[in-house]
């Protein structure tokens, strides 16, 4: 398996993996109407183009045999969705195809985000995770993230609560 930075030429693959993994993860717990609205808006070509050309946001694919099996999206600075702290990196998304759950793909993507945060010498990594996704919450806790707040995530017409979690990093000594 390899991790590769996504570029604008990958937009159709990004749209496909984004919609597929989001639907796999959340369809059973949400109305079809809310899911459809979110998938159309959240993974529109225009929105993805904007995100892919944002210098403070990066996407990475997890690929196996040239097939995309998961992806990561991180945000820095003003592109963070909530906390606009220059000393932070946000993991906005880590999604993996269901058939690859339990195969360390999510762990590799999480490690990549932490590696990027250390390269940027930020103080902490943060994210929001749906309060009704205990599997993801356990995953982040296992990786040292701790809950510190909550925020609202709008899925279609449904306001849902995300638990905000953060991981403090050790700062590199400056010379």
Protein backbone atom coordinates (compact mmCIF):
# COMPACT_ATOMS: atom_id res chain seq x y z
CA UNK A 1 0.00 0.00 0.00
CA UNK A 2 1.19 3.51 -0.73
CA UNK A 3 0.16 7.00 0.36
CA UNK A 4 0.10 9.60 -2.40
CA UNK A 5 -0.72 13.32 -2.37
CA UNK A 6 -3.85 14.04 -4.39
CA UNK A 7 -3.74 16.64 -7.18
CA UNK A 8 -6.37 18.32 -9.35
CA UNK A 9 -6.15 15.54 -11.97
CA UNK A 10 -7.43 13.13 -9.29
CA UNK A 11 -10.70 15.01 -8.78
CA UNK A 12 -12.99 12.29 -10.17
CA UNK A 13 -11.30 9.59 -8.05
CA UNK A 14 -11.56 11.87 -5.01
CA UNK A 15 -15.26 12.48 -5.65
CA UNK A 16 -15.85 8.73 -6.03
CA UNK A 17 -13.93 7.61 -2.91
CA UNK A 18 -15.37 10.50 -0.89
CA UNK A 19 -18.99 9.71 -1.70
CA UNK A 20 -18.54 5.95 -1.40
CA UNK A 21 -16.76 5.93 1.97
CA UNK A 22 -19.08 8.56 3.47
CA UNK A 23 -22.16 6.63 2.34
CA UNK A 24 -20.73 3.33 3.64
CA UNK A 25 -19.98 4.92 7.00
CA UNK A 26 -23.16 6.90 7.64
CA UNK A 27 -26.06 5.73 5.41
CA UNK A 28 -27.47 3.24 7.90
CA UNK A 29 -27.81 5.93 10.61
CA UNK A 30 -29.21 8.78 8.52
CA UNK A 31 -32.14 9.51 6.20
CA UNK A 32 -31.64 8.97 2.49
CA UNK A 33 -32.68 12.58 1.89
CA UNK A 34 -30.06 14.03 4.28
CA UNK A 35 -27.37 11.73 2.88
CA UNK A 36 -28.17 12.67 -0.73
CA UNK A 37 -28.10 16.40 0.05
CA UNK A 38 -24.75 16.12 1.86
CA UNK A 39 -23.13 13.93 -0.81
CA UNK A 40 -24.20 16.27 -3.63
CA UNK A 41 -23.00 19.41 -1.85
CA UNK A 42 -19.99 18.04 0.03
CA UNK A 43 -18.49 16.24 -2.95
CA UNK A 44 -19.47 18.53 -5.81
CA UNK A 45 -16.81 19.13 -8.45
CA UNK A 46 -16.78 22.86 -7.59
CA UNK A 47 -16.28 22.27 -3.86
CA UNK A 48 -13.54 19.67 -4.42
CA UNK A 49 -11.80 21.94 -6.95
CA UNK A 50 -11.76 24.75 -4.37
CA UNK A 51 -10.41 22.41 -1.68
CA UNK A 52 -7.76 20.91 -3.99
CA UNK A 53 -6.45 24.33 -4.97
CA UNK A 54 -6.39 25.65 -1.37
CA UNK A 55 -2.75 25.97 -0.30
CA UNK A 56 -3.77 25.31 3.33
CA UNK A 57 -5.52 22.00 2.62
CA UNK A 58 -4.09 18.69 1.44
CA UNK A 59 -5.59 15.36 0.43
CA UNK A 60 -3.78 12.01 0.39
CA UNK A 61 -4.92 8.73 -1.16
CA UNK A 62 -4.23 5.31 0.31
CA UNK A 63 -3.72 3.08 -2.74
CA UNK A 64 -3.45 -0.66 -3.09
CA UNK A 65 -2.61 -2.12 -6.51
CA UNK A 66 -3.38 1.31 -8.09
CA UNK A 67 -6.87 1.35 -6.52
CA UNK A 68 -7.85 4.08 -4.07
CA UNK A 69 -8.99 2.39 -0.84
CA UNK A 70 -9.09 5.40 1.48
CA UNK A 71 -8.13 9.03 1.87
CA UNK A 72 -7.07 11.74 4.28
CA UNK A 73 -7.82 15.46 4.25
CA UNK A 74 -5.89 17.87 6.48
CA UNK A 75 -6.27 21.63 6.92
CA UNK A 76 -3.86 24.27 8.21
CA UNK A 77 -4.21 27.89 9.27
CA UNK A 78 -7.32 29.69 8.05
CA UNK A 79 -8.56 26.63 6.13
CA UNK A 80 -9.37 24.78 9.35
CA UNK A 81 -13.11 24.35 9.72
CA UNK A 82 -13.35 25.53 13.32
CA UNK A 83 -10.21 26.41 15.25
CA UNK A 84 -8.16 28.77 13.05
CA UNK A 85 -4.97 28.28 15.06
CA UNK A 86 -1.70 28.57 13.16
CA UNK A 87 -0.22 26.17 15.73
CA UNK A 88 -2.69 23.43 14.83
CA UNK A 89 -3.45 20.97 12.06
CA UNK A 90 -6.99 19.68 11.52
CA UNK A 91 -7.73 16.18 10.34
CA UNK A 92 -10.97 16.90 8.51
CA UNK A 93 -11.39 13.43 7.05
CA UNK A 94 -9.98 9.93 7.32
CA UNK A 95 -12.15 7.51 5.39
CA UNK A 96 -11.42 3.93 4.35
CA UNK A 97 -13.52 1.55 2.26
CA UNK A 98 -15.40 -0.84 4.57
CA UNK A 99 -13.72 -3.92 3.10
CA UNK A 100 -10.37 -2.55 4.29
CA UNK A 101 -11.46 -1.71 7.87
CA UNK A 102 -9.24 -3.42 10.43
CA UNK A 103 -6.31 -3.59 7.98
CA UNK A 104 -4.39 -0.59 9.42
CA UNK A 105 -5.23 1.75 6.49
CA UNK A 106 -6.82 4.32 8.82
CA UNK A 107 -3.80 4.03 11.13
CA UNK A 108 -1.39 4.71 8.27
CA UNK A 109 -3.44 7.75 7.21
CA UNK A 110 -3.59 9.02 10.82
CA UNK A 111 0.19 8.57 11.10
CA UNK A 112 0.59 10.57 7.87
CA UNK A 113 -1.43 13.45 9.36
CA UNK A 114 0.69 13.43 12.53
CA UNK A 115 3.86 13.36 10.41
CA UNK A 116 2.59 16.42 8.44
CA UNK A 117 1.80 18.20 11.71
CA UNK A 118 5.33 17.54 13.00
CA UNK A 119 6.83 18.79 9.71
CA UNK A 120 4.86 22.02 10.15
CA UNK A 121 5.96 22.13 13.81
CA UNK A 122 2.44 22.73 15.11
CA UNK A 123 1.51 22.22 18.77
CA UNK A 124 -1.46 19.93 18.27
CA UNK A 125 -3.68 18.00 15.85
CA UNK A 126 -7.47 18.21 16.23
CA UNK A 127 -10.57 16.74 14.63
CA UNK A 128 -14.31 16.34 15.01
CA UNK A 129 -15.87 12.86 15.21
CA UNK A 130 -19.59 12.06 15.27
CA UNK A 131 -20.70 11.23 18.80
CA UNK A 132 -22.56 8.20 17.44
CA UNK A 133 -19.45 6.67 15.86
CA UNK A 134 -17.90 4.75 18.79
CA UNK A 135 -15.52 2.83 16.52
CA UNK A 136 -13.90 6.06 15.31
CA UNK A 137 -13.86 7.56 18.81
CA UNK A 138 -12.01 4.48 20.14
CA UNK A 139 -9.56 4.67 17.22
CA UNK A 140 -8.67 8.29 18.02
CA UNK A 141 -8.47 7.64 21.77
CA UNK A 142 -6.09 4.75 21.07
CA UNK A 143 -3.96 7.26 19.14
CA UNK A 144 -3.78 9.63 22.12
CA UNK A 145 -6.54 12.08 21.17
CA UNK A 146 -8.65 13.46 24.02
CA UNK A 147 -12.08 15.10 23.86
CA UNK A 148 -12.08 18.84 24.59
CA UNK A 149 -15.31 20.28 23.14
CA UNK A 150 -18.28 19.64 20.85
CA UNK A 151 -19.58 21.27 17.70
CA UNK A 152 -22.50 20.90 15.30
CA UNK A 153 -22.08 19.09 12.00
CA UNK A 154 -24.83 19.73 9.47
CA UNK A 155 -25.81 16.61 7.51
CA UNK A 156 -28.49 17.68 5.06
CA UNK A 157 -31.21 19.11 7.30
CA UNK A 158 -30.01 17.24 10.39
CA UNK A 159 -27.87 18.99 13.02
CA UNK A 160 -25.55 16.38 14.57
CA UNK A 161 -23.05 16.65 17.40
CA UNK A 162 -19.37 15.98 16.81
CA UNK A 163 -16.95 15.44 19.65
CA UNK A 164 -13.86 17.57 19.11
CA UNK A 165 -10.64 15.78 20.04
CA UNK A 166 -7.02 16.89 20.10
CA UNK A 167 -3.57 15.38 20.30
CA UNK A 168 -0.79 17.56 21.75
CA UNK A 169 2.58 17.17 20.02
CA UNK A 170 6.02 17.71 21.43
CA UNK A 171 7.49 20.83 19.86
CA UNK A 172 10.89 20.56 18.23
CA UNK A 173 13.47 22.71 19.95
CA UNK A 174 14.27 25.74 17.85
CA UNK A 175 17.87 26.80 17.43
